[in-house]
Amino acid sequence: MLMVTYGQAVLSFSTILLHASVIEQDGQGYAFLGKSGTGKSTHSRLWLLHIPNAALLNDDNPAIRWNRQLYNRIVNHLEKVVANVRIGQLTCLPDRTAAQLCYQKLTHHKNK
């Protein structure tokens, strides 16, 4: 209940809480969102083990601040995503291959 209260309280400070695990890799942040038990932390752990320069930023409820320009950019991007991007689901095992596949698809890097 405390987390729900905190999440609502910070909204007035242009901050939102996500239920996610967040990795930073070479200056970019990657948030893995999903319901409890779907493998967010496992996937982040796999990035830490198998993706060079990956670092864990937050493994449960990252707080994200925004401003009006950023908010408008997010909304514009979301509209494009909804209109143009197919949503996929990984059905592979939670292992090195899963982390590398996700990394390659998100960053367009070839496996080294």
PDB file of N, CA and C in Angstrom:
ATOM      1  N   MET A   1       0.816  -1.202   0.000  1.00  0.00           N
ATOM      2  CA  MET A   1       0.000   0.000   0.000  1.00  0.00           C
ATOM      3  C   MET A   1       0.857   1.263   0.000  1.00  0.00           C
ATOM      4  N   LEU A   2       1.997   1.183   0.681  1.00  0.00           N
ATOM      5  CA  LEU A   2       2.891   2.333   0.731  1.00  0.00           C
ATOM      6  C   LEU A   2       3.388   2.705  -0.665  1.00  0.00           C
ATOM      7  N   MET A   3       3.719   1.702  -1.484  1.00  0.00           N
ATOM      8  CA  MET A   3       4.215   1.963  -2.831  1.00  0.00           C
ATOM      9  C   MET A   3       3.138   2.621  -3.693  1.00  0.00           C
ATOM     10  N   VAL A   4       1.885   2.194  -3.552  1.00  0.00           N
ATOM     11  CA  VAL A   4       0.777   2.800  -4.303  1.00  0.00           C
ATOM     12  C   VAL A   4       0.624   4.262  -3.900  1.00  0.00           C
ATOM     13  N   THR A   5       0.675   4.527  -2.611  1.00  0.00           N
ATOM     14  CA  THR A   5       0.560   5.900  -2.107  1.00  0.00           C
ATOM     15  C   THR A   5       1.709   6.756  -2.628  1.00  0.00           C
ATOM     16  N   TYR A   6       2.915   6.233  -2.557  1.00  0.00           N
ATOM     17  CA  TYR A   6       4.082   6.957  -3.052  1.00  0.00           C
ATOM     18  C   TYR A   6       3.945   7.222  -4.556  1.00  0.00           C
ATOM     19  N   GLY A   7       3.531   6.216  -5.298  1.00  0.00           N
ATOM     20  CA  GLY A   7       3.362   6.363  -6.738  1.00  0.00           C
ATOM     21  C   GLY A   7       2.380   7.465  -7.099  1.00  0.00           C
ATOM     22  N   GLN A   8       1.309   7.581  -6.337  1.00  0.00           N
ATOM     23  CA  GLN A   8       0.334   8.644  -6.595  1.00  0.00           C
ATOM     24  C   GLN A   8       0.873   9.999  -6.158  1.00  0.00           C
ATOM     25  N   ALA A   9       1.593  10.033  -5.050  1.00  0.00           N
ATOM     26  CA  ALA A   9       2.119  11.299  -4.532  1.00  0.00           C
ATOM     27  C   ALA A   9       3.144  11.929  -5.472  1.00  0.00           C
ATOM     28  N   VAL A  10       3.977  11.118  -6.112  1.00  0.00           N
ATOM     29  CA  VAL A  10       5.031  11.682  -6.957  1.00  0.00           C
ATOM     30  C   VAL A  10       4.523  12.155  -8.314  1.00  0.00           C
ATOM     31  N   LEU A  11       3.296  11.798  -8.674  1.00  0.00           N
ATOM     32  CA  LEU A  11       2.746  12.254  -9.954  1.00  0.00           C
ATOM     33  C   LEU A  11       2.745  13.773 -10.058  1.00  0.00           C
ATOM     34  N   SER A  12       2.465  14.454  -8.958  1.00  0.00           N
ATOM     35  CA  SER A  12       2.431  15.921  -8.993  1.00  0.00           C
ATOM     36  C   SER A  12       3.831  16.519  -9.152  1.00  0.00           C
ATOM     37  N   PHE A  13       4.865  15.694  -9.051  1.00  0.00           N
ATOM     38  CA  PHE A  13       6.240  16.139  -9.249  1.00  0.00           C
ATOM     39  C   PHE A  13       6.805  15.637 -10.583  1.00  0.00           C
ATOM     40  N   SER A  14       5.916  15.409 -11.537  1.00  0.00           N
ATOM     41  CA  SER A  14       6.297  14.948 -12.878  1.00  0.00           C
ATOM     42  C   SER A  14       7.126  13.670 -12.826  1.00  0.00           C
ATOM     43  N   THR A  15       6.722  12.765 -11.965  1.00  0.00           N
ATOM     44  CA  THR A  15       7.435  11.502 -11.784  1.00  0.00           C
ATOM     45  C   THR A  15       6.431  10.363 -11.821  1.00  0.00           C
ATOM     46  N   ILE A  16       6.840   9.261 -12.420  1.00  0.00           N
ATOM     47  CA  ILE A  16       5.981   8.086 -12.482  1.00  0.00           C
ATOM     48  C   ILE A  16       6.802   6.869 -12.059  1.00  0.00           C
ATOM     49  N   LEU A  17       6.163   5.957 -11.357  1.00  0.00           N
ATOM     50  CA  LEU A  17       6.798   4.696 -10.987  1.00  0.00           C
ATOM     51  C   LEU A  17       6.376   3.623 -11.975  1.00  0.00           C
ATOM     52  N   LEU A  18       7.334   2.811 -12.387  1.00  0.00           N
ATOM     53  CA  LEU A  18       7.042   1.689 -13.276  1.00  0.00           C
ATOM     54  C   LEU A  18       7.321   0.388 -12.540  1.00  0.00           C
ATOM     55  N   HIS A  19       6.613  -0.655 -12.898  1.00  0.00           N
ATOM     56  CA  HIS A  19       6.944  -1.989 -12.401  1.00  0.00           C
ATOM     57  C   HIS A  19       7.829  -2.593 -13.477  1.00  0.00           C
ATOM     58  N   ALA A  20       9.138  -2.467 -13.281  1.00  0.00           N
ATOM     59  CA  ALA A  20      10.078  -2.843 -14.329  1.00  0.00           C
ATOM     60  C   ALA A  20      11.444  -3.136 -13.734  1.00  0.00           C
ATOM     61  N   SER A  21      12.259  -3.752 -14.537  1.00  0.00           N
ATOM     62  CA  SER A  21      13.679  -3.907 -14.242  1.00  0.00           C
ATOM     63  C   SER A  21      14.409  -3.119 -15.322  1.00  0.00           C
ATOM     64  N   VAL A  22      15.354  -2.267 -14.911  1.00  0.00           N
ATOM     65  CA  VAL A  22      15.993  -1.361 -15.863  1.00  0.00           C
ATOM     66  C   VAL A  22      17.496  -1.609 -15.926  1.00  0.00           C
ATOM     67  N   ILE A  23      17.984  -1.758 -17.143  1.00  0.00           N
ATOM     68  CA  ILE A  23      19.402  -1.958 -17.441  1.00  0.00           C
ATOM     69  C   ILE A  23      19.912  -0.729 -18.195  1.00  0.00           C
ATOM     70  N   GLU A  24      21.134  -0.322 -17.871  1.00  0.00           N
ATOM     71  CA  GLU A  24      21.822   0.709 -18.656  1.00  0.00           C
ATOM     72  C   GLU A  24      22.949   0.015 -19.399  1.00  0.00           C
ATOM     73  N   GLN A  25      23.082   0.355 -20.677  1.00  0.00           N
ATOM     74  CA  GLN A  25      24.143  -0.233 -21.480  1.00  0.00           C
ATOM     75  C   GLN A  25      24.610   0.817 -22.472  1.00  0.00           C
ATOM     76  N   ASP A  26      25.858   1.219 -22.332  1.00  0.00           N
ATOM     77  CA  ASP A  26      26.464   2.223 -23.218  1.00  0.00           C
ATOM     78  C   ASP A  26      25.627   3.492 -23.335  1.00  0.00           C
ATOM     79  N   GLY A  27      25.141   3.997 -22.208  1.00  0.00           N
ATOM     80  CA  GLY A  27      24.421   5.265 -22.176  1.00  0.00           C
ATOM     81  C   GLY A  27      22.950   5.195 -22.507  1.00  0.00           C
ATOM     82  N   GLN A  28      22.433   4.015 -22.783  1.00  0.00           N
ATOM     83  CA  GLN A  28      21.011   3.844 -23.099  1.00  0.00           C
ATOM     84  C   GLN A  28      20.346   3.035 -21.994  1.00  0.00           C
ATOM     85  N   GLY A  29      19.110   3.386 -21.679  1.00  0.00           N
ATOM     86  CA  GLY A  29      18.350   2.640 -20.688  1.00  0.00           C
ATOM     87  C   GLY A  29      17.347   1.715 -21.358  1.00  0.00           C
ATOM     88  N   TYR A  30      17.211   0.507 -20.810  1.00  0.00           N
ATOM     89  CA  TYR A  30      16.266  -0.482 -21.326  1.00  0.00           C
ATOM     90  C   TYR A  30      15.403  -0.950 -20.164  1.00  0.00           C
ATOM     91  N   ALA A  31      14.106  -0.696 -20.255  1.00  0.00           N
ATOM     92  CA  ALA A  31      13.170  -1.096 -19.199  1.00  0.00           C
ATOM     93  C   ALA A  31      12.410  -2.333 -19.656  1.00  0.00           C
ATOM     94  N   PHE A  32      12.484  -3.371 -18.846  1.00  0.00           N
ATOM     95  CA  PHE A  32      11.737  -4.596 -19.108  1.00  0.00           C
ATOM     96  C   PHE A  32      10.519  -4.576 -18.202  1.00  0.00           C
ATOM     97  N   LEU A  33       9.337  -4.377 -18.794  1.00  0.00           N
ATOM     98  CA  LEU A  33       8.098  -4.246 -18.048  1.00  0.00           C
ATOM     99  C   LEU A  33       7.290  -5.528 -18.134  1.00  0.00           C
ATOM    100  N   GLY A  34       6.464  -5.762 -17.135  1.00  0.00           N
ATOM    101  CA  GLY A  34       5.590  -6.920 -17.164  1.00  0.00           C
ATOM    102  C   GLY A  34       5.020  -7.221 -15.795  1.00  0.00           C
ATOM    103  N   LYS A  35       4.119  -8.162 -15.775  1.00  0.00           N
ATOM    104  CA  LYS A  35       3.502  -8.595 -14.528  1.00  0.00           C
ATOM    105  C   LYS A  35       4.533  -9.315 -13.666  1.00  0.00           C
ATOM    106  N   SER A  36       4.245  -9.408 -12.385  1.00  0.00           N
ATOM    107  CA  SER A  36       5.109 -10.149 -11.473  1.00  0.00           C
ATOM    108  C   SER A  36       5.260 -11.580 -11.960  1.00  0.00           C
ATOM    109  N   GLY A  37       6.493 -12.073 -11.889  1.00  0.00           N
ATOM    110  CA  GLY A  37       6.748 -13.452 -12.255  1.00  0.00           C
ATOM    111  C   GLY A  37       6.963 -13.719 -13.735  1.00  0.00           C
ATOM    112  N   THR A  38       7.015 -12.668 -14.561  1.00  0.00           N
ATOM    113  CA  THR A  38       7.160 -12.896 -15.998  1.00  0.00           C
ATOM    114  C   THR A  38       8.610 -12.889 -16.468  1.00  0.00           C
ATOM    115  N   GLY A  39       9.570 -12.655 -15.574  1.00  0.00           N
ATOM    116  CA  GLY A  39      10.974 -12.779 -15.941  1.00  0.00           C
ATOM    117  C   GLY A  39      11.733 -11.484 -16.152  1.00  0.00           C
ATOM    118  N   LYS A  40      11.223 -10.365 -15.649  1.00  0.00           N
ATOM    119  CA  LYS A  40      11.928  -9.088 -15.813  1.00  0.00           C
ATOM    120  C   LYS A  40      13.305  -9.133 -15.163  1.00  0.00           C
ATOM    121  N   SER A  41      13.363  -9.539 -13.919  1.00  0.00           N
ATOM    122  CA  SER A  41      14.637  -9.612 -13.188  1.00  0.00           C
ATOM    123  C   SER A  41      15.555 -10.669 -13.794  1.00  0.00           C
ATOM    124  N   THR A  42      14.990 -11.782 -14.195  1.00  0.00           N
ATOM    125  CA  THR A  42      15.783 -12.833 -14.822  1.00  0.00           C
ATOM    126  C   THR A  42      16.418 -12.310 -16.101  1.00  0.00           C
ATOM    127  N   HIS A  43      15.648 -11.588 -16.898  1.00  0.00           N
ATOM    128  CA  HIS A  43      16.175 -11.068 -18.156  1.00  0.00           C
ATOM    129  C   HIS A  43      17.272 -10.029 -17.892  1.00  0.00           C
ATOM    130  N   SER A  44      17.060  -9.177 -16.899  1.00  0.00           N
ATOM    131  CA  SER A  44      18.097  -8.207 -16.550  1.00  0.00           C
ATOM    132  C   SER A  44      19.372  -8.917 -16.093  1.00  0.00           C
ATOM    133  N   ARG A  45      19.223  -9.955 -15.290  1.00  0.00           N
ATOM    134  CA  ARG A  45      20.384 -10.719 -14.826  1.00  0.00           C
ATOM    135  C   ARG A  45      21.134 -11.313 -16.012  1.00  0.00           C
ATOM    136  N   LEU A  46      20.394 -11.798 -17.003  1.00  0.00           N
ATOM    137  CA  LEU A  46      21.032 -12.356 -18.198  1.00  0.00           C
ATOM    138  C   LEU A  46      21.809 -11.292 -18.976  1.00  0.00           C
ATOM    139  N   TRP A  47      21.258 -10.080 -19.040  1.00  0.00           N
ATOM    140  CA  TRP A  47      22.000  -8.988 -19.683  1.00  0.00           C
ATOM    141  C   TRP A  47      23.293  -8.727 -18.917  1.00  0.00           C
ATOM    142  N   LEU A  48      23.214  -8.706 -17.580  1.00  0.00           N
ATOM    143  CA  LEU A  48      24.414  -8.445 -16.781  1.00  0.00           C
ATOM    144  C   LEU A  48      25.486  -9.500 -17.030  1.00  0.00           C
ATOM    145  N   LEU A  49      25.062 -10.725 -17.217  1.00  0.00           N
ATOM    146  CA  LEU A  49      26.001 -11.826 -17.433  1.00  0.00           C
ATOM    147  C   LEU A  49      26.548 -11.886 -18.856  1.00  0.00           C
ATOM    148  N   HIS A  50      25.743 -11.498 -19.843  1.00  0.00           N
ATOM    149  CA  HIS A  50      26.100 -11.803 -21.227  1.00  0.00           C
ATOM    150  C   HIS A  50      26.200 -10.608 -22.178  1.00  0.00           C
ATOM    151  N   ILE A  51      25.794  -9.430 -21.755  1.00  0.00           N
ATOM    152  CA  ILE A  51      25.852  -8.258 -22.638  1.00  0.00           C
ATOM    153  C   ILE A  51      26.931  -7.309 -22.109  1.00  0.00           C
ATOM    154  N   PRO A  52      27.941  -7.009 -22.919  1.00  0.00           N
ATOM    155  CA  PRO A  52      29.034  -6.138 -22.461  1.00  0.00           C
ATOM    156  C   PRO A  52      28.534  -4.769 -21.999  1.00  0.00           C
ATOM    157  N   ASN A  53      29.130  -4.268 -20.947  1.00  0.00           N
ATOM    158  CA  ASN A  53      28.870  -2.918 -20.401  1.00  0.00           C
ATOM    159  C   ASN A  53      27.467  -2.727 -19.854  1.00  0.00           C
ATOM    160  N   ALA A  54      26.747  -3.799 -19.578  1.00  0.00           N
ATOM    161  CA  ALA A  54      25.402  -3.667 -19.005  1.00  0.00           C
ATOM    162  C   ALA A  54      25.506  -3.468 -17.493  1.00  0.00           C
ATOM    163  N   ALA A  55      24.648  -2.598 -16.972  1.00  0.00           N
ATOM    164  CA  ALA A  55      24.609  -2.336 -15.531  1.00  0.00           C
ATOM    165  C   ALA A  55      23.152  -2.245 -15.095  1.00  0.00           C
ATOM    166  N   LEU A  56      22.860  -2.761 -13.913  1.00  0.00           N
ATOM    167  CA  LEU A  56      21.508  -2.705 -13.372  1.00  0.00           C
ATOM    168  C   LEU A  56      21.261  -1.334 -12.763  1.00  0.00           C
ATOM    169  N   LEU A  57      20.187  -0.669 -13.195  1.00  0.00           N
ATOM    170  CA  LEU A  57      19.808   0.614 -12.608  1.00  0.00           C
ATOM    171  C   LEU A  57      18.770   0.434 -11.509  1.00  0.00           C
ATOM    172  N   ASN A  58      17.774  -0.415 -11.757  1.00  0.00           N
ATOM    173  CA  ASN A  58      16.716  -0.652 -10.781  1.00  0.00           C
ATOM    174  C   ASN A  58      16.043  -1.965 -11.138  1.00  0.00           C
ATOM    175  N   ASP A  59      15.698  -2.743 -10.129  1.00  0.00           N
ATOM    176  CA  ASP A  59      15.154  -4.068 -10.403  1.00  0.00           C
ATOM    177  C   ASP A  59      13.708  -4.248  -9.957  1.00  0.00           C
ATOM    178  N   ASP A  60      13.007  -3.168  -9.647  1.00  0.00           N
ATOM    179  CA  ASP A  60      11.625  -3.360  -9.214  1.00  0.00           C
ATOM    180  C   ASP A  60      10.714  -2.202  -9.583  1.00  0.00           C
ATOM    181  N   ASN A  61      10.969  -1.021  -9.056  1.00  0.00           N
ATOM    182  CA  ASN A  61      10.087   0.126  -9.276  1.00  0.00           C
ATOM    183  C   ASN A  61      10.885   1.389  -9.579  1.00  0.00           C
ATOM    184  N   PRO A  62      11.441   1.515 -10.780  1.00  0.00           N
ATOM    185  CA  PRO A  62      12.175   2.746 -11.091  1.00  0.00           C
ATOM    186  C   PRO A  62      11.235   3.951 -11.141  1.00  0.00           C
ATOM    187  N   ALA A  63      11.736   5.071 -10.663  1.00  0.00           N
ATOM    188  CA  ALA A  63      11.004   6.332 -10.737  1.00  0.00           C
ATOM    189  C   ALA A  63      11.558   7.111 -11.925  1.00  0.00           C
ATOM    190  N   ILE A  64      10.668   7.576 -12.777  1.00  0.00           N
ATOM    191  CA  ILE A  64      11.067   8.287 -13.985  1.00  0.00           C
ATOM    192  C   ILE A  64      10.458   9.688 -13.936  1.00  0.00           C
ATOM    193  N   ARG A  65      11.313  10.701 -14.125  1.00  0.00           N
ATOM    194  CA  ARG A  65      10.838  12.093 -14.156  1.00  0.00           C
ATOM    195  C   ARG A  65      10.692  12.539 -15.599  1.00  0.00           C
ATOM    196  N   TRP A  66       9.748  13.415 -15.824  1.00  0.00           N
ATOM    197  CA  TRP A  66       9.562  13.938 -17.167  1.00  0.00           C
ATOM    198  C   TRP A  66       9.180  15.398 -17.109  1.00  0.00           C
ATOM    199  N   ASN A  67       9.322  16.047 -18.241  1.00  0.00           N
ATOM    200  CA  ASN A  67       8.851  17.416 -18.407  1.00  0.00           C
ATOM    201  C   ASN A  67       7.853  17.423 -19.558  1.00  0.00           C
ATOM    202  N   ARG A  68       7.227  18.528 -19.831  1.00  0.00           N
ATOM    203  CA  ARG A  68       6.175  18.602 -20.836  1.00  0.00           C
ATOM    204  C   ARG A  68       6.702  18.194 -22.211  1.00  0.00           C
ATOM    205  N   GLN A  69       7.888  18.670 -22.591  1.00  0.00           N
ATOM    206  CA  GLN A  69       8.450  18.301 -23.893  1.00  0.00           C
ATOM    207  C   GLN A  69       8.662  16.798 -23.967  1.00  0.00           C
ATOM    208  N   LEU A  70       9.233  16.240 -22.911  1.00  0.00           N
ATOM    209  CA  LEU A  70       9.466  14.795 -22.892  1.00  0.00           C
ATOM    210  C   LEU A  70       8.145  14.042 -22.935  1.00  0.00           C
ATOM    211  N   TYR A  71       7.161  14.504 -22.177  1.00  0.00           N
ATOM    212  CA  TYR A  71       5.845  13.850 -22.167  1.00  0.00           C
ATOM    213  C   TYR A  71       5.240  13.852 -23.577  1.00  0.00           C
ATOM    214  N   ASN A  72       5.285  14.997 -24.242  1.00  0.00           N
ATOM    215  CA  ASN A  72       4.731  15.089 -25.599  1.00  0.00           C
ATOM    216  C   ASN A  72       5.466  14.165 -26.563  1.00  0.00           C
ATOM    217  N   ARG A  73       6.789  14.082 -26.421  1.00  0.00           N
ATOM    218  CA  ARG A  73       7.557  13.174 -27.277  1.00  0.00           C
ATOM    219  C   ARG A  73       7.163  11.725 -27.012  1.00  0.00           C
ATOM    220  N   ILE A  74       6.976  11.376 -25.744  1.00  0.00           N
ATOM    221  CA  ILE A  74       6.571  10.009 -25.395  1.00  0.00           C
ATOM    222  C   ILE A  74       5.218   9.685 -26.019  1.00  0.00           C
ATOM    223  N   VAL A  75       4.253  10.593 -25.878  1.00  0.00           N
ATOM    224  CA  VAL A  75       2.916  10.367 -26.436  1.00  0.00           C
ATOM    225  C   VAL A  75       2.996  10.221 -27.949  1.00  0.00           C
ATOM    226  N   ASN A  76       3.768  11.081 -28.603  1.00  0.00           N
ATOM    227  CA  ASN A  76       3.915  10.985 -30.055  1.00  0.00           C
ATOM    228  C   ASN A  76       4.530   9.645 -30.460  1.00  0.00           C
ATOM    229  N   HIS A  77       5.537   9.222 -29.728  1.00  0.00           N
ATOM    230  CA  HIS A  77       6.168   7.933 -30.029  1.00  0.00           C
ATOM    231  C   HIS A  77       5.192   6.779 -29.784  1.00  0.00           C
ATOM    232  N   LEU A  78       4.440   6.846 -28.705  1.00  0.00           N
ATOM    233  CA  LEU A  78       3.476   5.783 -28.417  1.00  0.00           C
ATOM    234  C   LEU A  78       2.425   5.676 -29.518  1.00  0.00           C
ATOM    235  N   GLU A  79       1.975   6.822 -30.017  1.00  0.00           N
ATOM    236  CA  GLU A  79       1.015   6.792 -31.116  1.00  0.00           C
ATOM    237  C   GLU A  79       1.619   6.088 -32.337  1.00  0.00           C
ATOM    238  N   LYS A  80       2.879   6.357 -32.627  1.00  0.00           N
ATOM    239  CA  LYS A  80       3.550   5.691 -33.746  1.00  0.00           C
ATOM    240  C   LYS A  80       3.717   4.201 -33.476  1.00  0.00           C
ATOM    241  N   VAL A  81       4.063   3.864 -32.254  1.00  0.00           N
ATOM    242  CA  VAL A  81       4.236   2.449 -31.901  1.00  0.00           C
ATOM    243  C   VAL A  81       2.929   1.691 -32.092  1.00  0.00           C
ATOM    244  N   VAL A  82       1.856   2.235 -31.554  1.00  0.00           N
ATOM    245  CA  VAL A  82       0.557   1.572 -31.658  1.00  0.00           C
ATOM    246  C   VAL A  82       0.150   1.413 -33.116  1.00  0.00           C
ATOM    247  N   ALA A  83       0.450   2.411 -33.927  1.00  0.00           N
ATOM    248  CA  ALA A  83       0.052   2.366 -35.336  1.00  0.00           C
ATOM    249  C   ALA A  83       0.954   1.487 -36.202  1.00  0.00           C
ATOM    250  N   ASN A  84       2.244   1.360 -35.831  1.00  0.00           N
ATOM    251  CA  ASN A  84       3.191   0.757 -36.764  1.00  0.00           C
ATOM    252  C   ASN A  84       3.986  -0.450 -36.276  1.00  0.00           C
ATOM    253  N   VAL A  85       3.966  -0.741 -35.009  1.00  0.00           N
ATOM    254  CA  VAL A  85       4.850  -1.784 -34.499  1.00  0.00           C
ATOM    255  C   VAL A  85       4.059  -3.006 -34.047  1.00  0.00           C
ATOM    256  N   ARG A  86       4.486  -4.140 -34.559  1.00  0.00           N
ATOM    257  CA  ARG A  86       3.899  -5.392 -34.093  1.00  0.00           C
ATOM    258  C   ARG A  86       4.493  -5.734 -32.738  1.00  0.00           C
ATOM    259  N   ILE A  87       3.707  -6.260 -31.874  1.00  0.00           N
ATOM    260  CA  ILE A  87       4.168  -6.662 -30.550  1.00  0.00           C
ATOM    261  C   ILE A  87       4.526  -8.135 -30.610  1.00  0.00           C
ATOM    262  N   GLY A  88       5.659  -8.484 -30.044  1.00  0.00           N
ATOM    263  CA  GLY A  88       6.101  -9.874 -30.051  1.00  0.00           C
ATOM    264  C   GLY A  88       6.273 -10.391 -28.642  1.00  0.00           C
ATOM    265  N   GLN A  89       6.404 -11.675 -28.553  1.00  0.00           N
ATOM    266  CA  GLN A  89       6.618 -12.316 -27.261  1.00  0.00           C
ATOM    267  C   GLN A  89       7.710 -13.355 -27.423  1.00  0.00           C
ATOM    268  N   LEU A  90       8.726 -13.263 -26.567  1.00  0.00           N
ATOM    269  CA  LEU A  90       9.785 -14.261 -26.589  1.00  0.00           C
ATOM    270  C   LEU A  90       9.257 -15.554 -25.985  1.00  0.00           C
ATOM    271  N   THR A  91       9.484 -16.646 -26.667  1.00  0.00           N
ATOM    272  CA  THR A  91       9.060 -17.943 -26.135  1.00  0.00           C
ATOM    273  C   THR A  91      10.263 -18.857 -25.944  1.00  0.00           C
ATOM    274  N   CYS A  92      11.444 -18.249 -25.812  1.00  0.00           N
ATOM    275  CA  CYS A  92      12.652 -19.028 -25.624  1.00  0.00           C
ATOM    276  C   CYS A  92      12.916 -19.235 -24.129  1.00  0.00           C
ATOM    277  N   LEU A  93      13.908 -20.021 -23.850  1.00  0.00           N
ATOM    278  CA  LEU A  93      14.293 -20.275 -22.471  1.00  0.00           C
ATOM    279  C   LEU A  93      14.970 -19.044 -21.874  1.00  0.00           C
ATOM    280  N   PRO A  94      14.912 -18.874 -20.559  1.00  0.00           N
ATOM    281  CA  PRO A  94      15.612 -17.748 -19.926  1.00  0.00           C
ATOM    282  C   PRO A  94      17.105 -18.072 -19.809  1.00  0.00           C
ATOM    283  N   ASP A  95      17.832 -17.837 -20.904  1.00  0.00           N
ATOM    284  CA  ASP A  95      19.244 -18.159 -20.922  1.00  0.00           C
ATOM    285  C   ASP A  95      20.014 -17.114 -21.723  1.00  0.00           C
ATOM    286  N   ARG A  96      21.282 -17.364 -21.940  1.00  0.00           N
ATOM    287  CA  ARG A  96      22.155 -16.438 -22.659  1.00  0.00           C
ATOM    288  C   ARG A  96      21.582 -16.078 -24.031  1.00  0.00           C
ATOM    289  N   THR A  97      21.046 -17.051 -24.745  1.00  0.00           N
ATOM    290  CA  THR A  97      20.497 -16.813 -26.079  1.00  0.00           C
ATOM    291  C   THR A  97      19.348 -15.806 -26.028  1.00  0.00           C
ATOM    292  N   ALA A  98      18.504 -15.887 -25.014  1.00  0.00           N
ATOM    293  CA  ALA A  98      17.385 -14.948 -24.872  1.00  0.00           C
ATOM    294  C   ALA A  98      17.894 -13.526 -24.706  1.00  0.00           C
ATOM    295  N   ALA A  99      18.897 -13.338 -23.844  1.00  0.00           N
ATOM    296  CA  ALA A  99      19.451 -12.002 -23.623  1.00  0.00           C
ATOM    297  C   ALA A  99      20.091 -11.470 -24.895  1.00  0.00           C
ATOM    298  N   GLN A 100      20.865 -12.311 -25.579  1.00  0.00           N
ATOM    299  CA  GLN A 100      21.537 -11.865 -26.798  1.00  0.00           C
ATOM    300  C   GLN A 100      20.538 -11.547 -27.909  1.00  0.00           C
ATOM    301  N   LEU A 101      19.505 -12.363 -28.052  1.00  0.00           N
ATOM    302  CA  LEU A 101      18.471 -12.111 -29.064  1.00  0.00           C
ATOM    303  C   LEU A 101      17.773 -10.783 -28.800  1.00  0.00           C
ATOM    304  N   CYS A 102      17.375 -10.558 -27.567  1.00  0.00           N
ATOM    305  CA  CYS A 102      16.701  -9.308 -27.210  1.00  0.00           C
ATOM    306  C   CYS A 102      17.617  -8.114 -27.468  1.00  0.00           C
ATOM    307  N   TYR A 103      18.863  -8.213 -27.025  1.00  0.00           N
ATOM    308  CA  TYR A 103      19.836  -7.144 -27.232  1.00  0.00           C
ATOM    309  C   TYR A 103      20.008  -6.848 -28.715  1.00  0.00           C
ATOM    310  N   GLN A 104      20.176  -7.879 -29.528  1.00  0.00           N
ATOM    311  CA  GLN A 104      20.364  -7.690 -30.967  1.00  0.00           C
ATOM    312  C   GLN A 104      19.155  -7.013 -31.600  1.00  0.00           C
ATOM    313  N   LYS A 105      17.960  -7.440 -31.224  1.00  0.00           N
ATOM    314  CA  LYS A 105      16.743  -6.868 -31.813  1.00  0.00           C
ATOM    315  C   LYS A 105      16.545  -5.422 -31.377  1.00  0.00           C
ATOM    316  N   LEU A 106      16.885  -5.108 -30.115  1.00  0.00           N
ATOM    317  CA  LEU A 106      16.695  -3.745 -29.619  1.00  0.00           C
ATOM    318  C   LEU A 106      17.762  -2.779 -30.123  1.00  0.00           C
ATOM    319  N   THR A 107      18.979  -3.261 -30.311  1.00  0.00           N
ATOM    320  CA  THR A 107      20.075  -2.376 -30.650  1.00  0.00           C
ATOM    321  C   THR A 107      20.607  -2.548 -32.066  1.00  0.00           C
ATOM    322  N   HIS A 108      20.107  -3.548 -32.780  1.00  0.00           N
ATOM    323  CA  HIS A 108      20.530  -3.836 -34.156  1.00  0.00           C
ATOM    324  C   HIS A 108      22.002  -4.228 -34.256  1.00  0.00           C
ATOM    325  N   HIS A 109      22.543  -4.823 -33.179  1.00  0.00           N
ATOM    326  CA  HIS A 109      23.928  -5.297 -33.188  1.00  0.00           C
ATOM    327  C   HIS A 109      23.970  -6.765 -33.611  1.00  0.00           C
ATOM    328  N   LYS A 110      25.046  -7.106 -34.239  1.00  0.00           N
ATOM    329  CA  LYS A 110      25.286  -8.506 -34.594  1.00  0.00           C
ATOM    330  C   LYS A 110      25.966  -9.183 -33.410  1.00  0.00           C
ATOM    331  N   ASN A 111      25.737 -10.471 -33.266  1.00  0.00           N
ATOM    332  CA  ASN A 111      26.398 -11.242 -32.221  1.00  0.00           C
ATOM    333  C   ASN A 111      27.900 -11.268 -32.498  1.00  0.00           C
ATOM    334  N   LYS A 112      28.699 -10.971 -31.480  1.00  0.00           N
ATOM    335  CA  LYS A 112      30.162 -10.910 -31.660  1.00  0.00           C
ATOM    336  C   LYS A 112      30.786 -12.207 -31.220  1.00  0.00           C
TER     337      LYS A 112
END
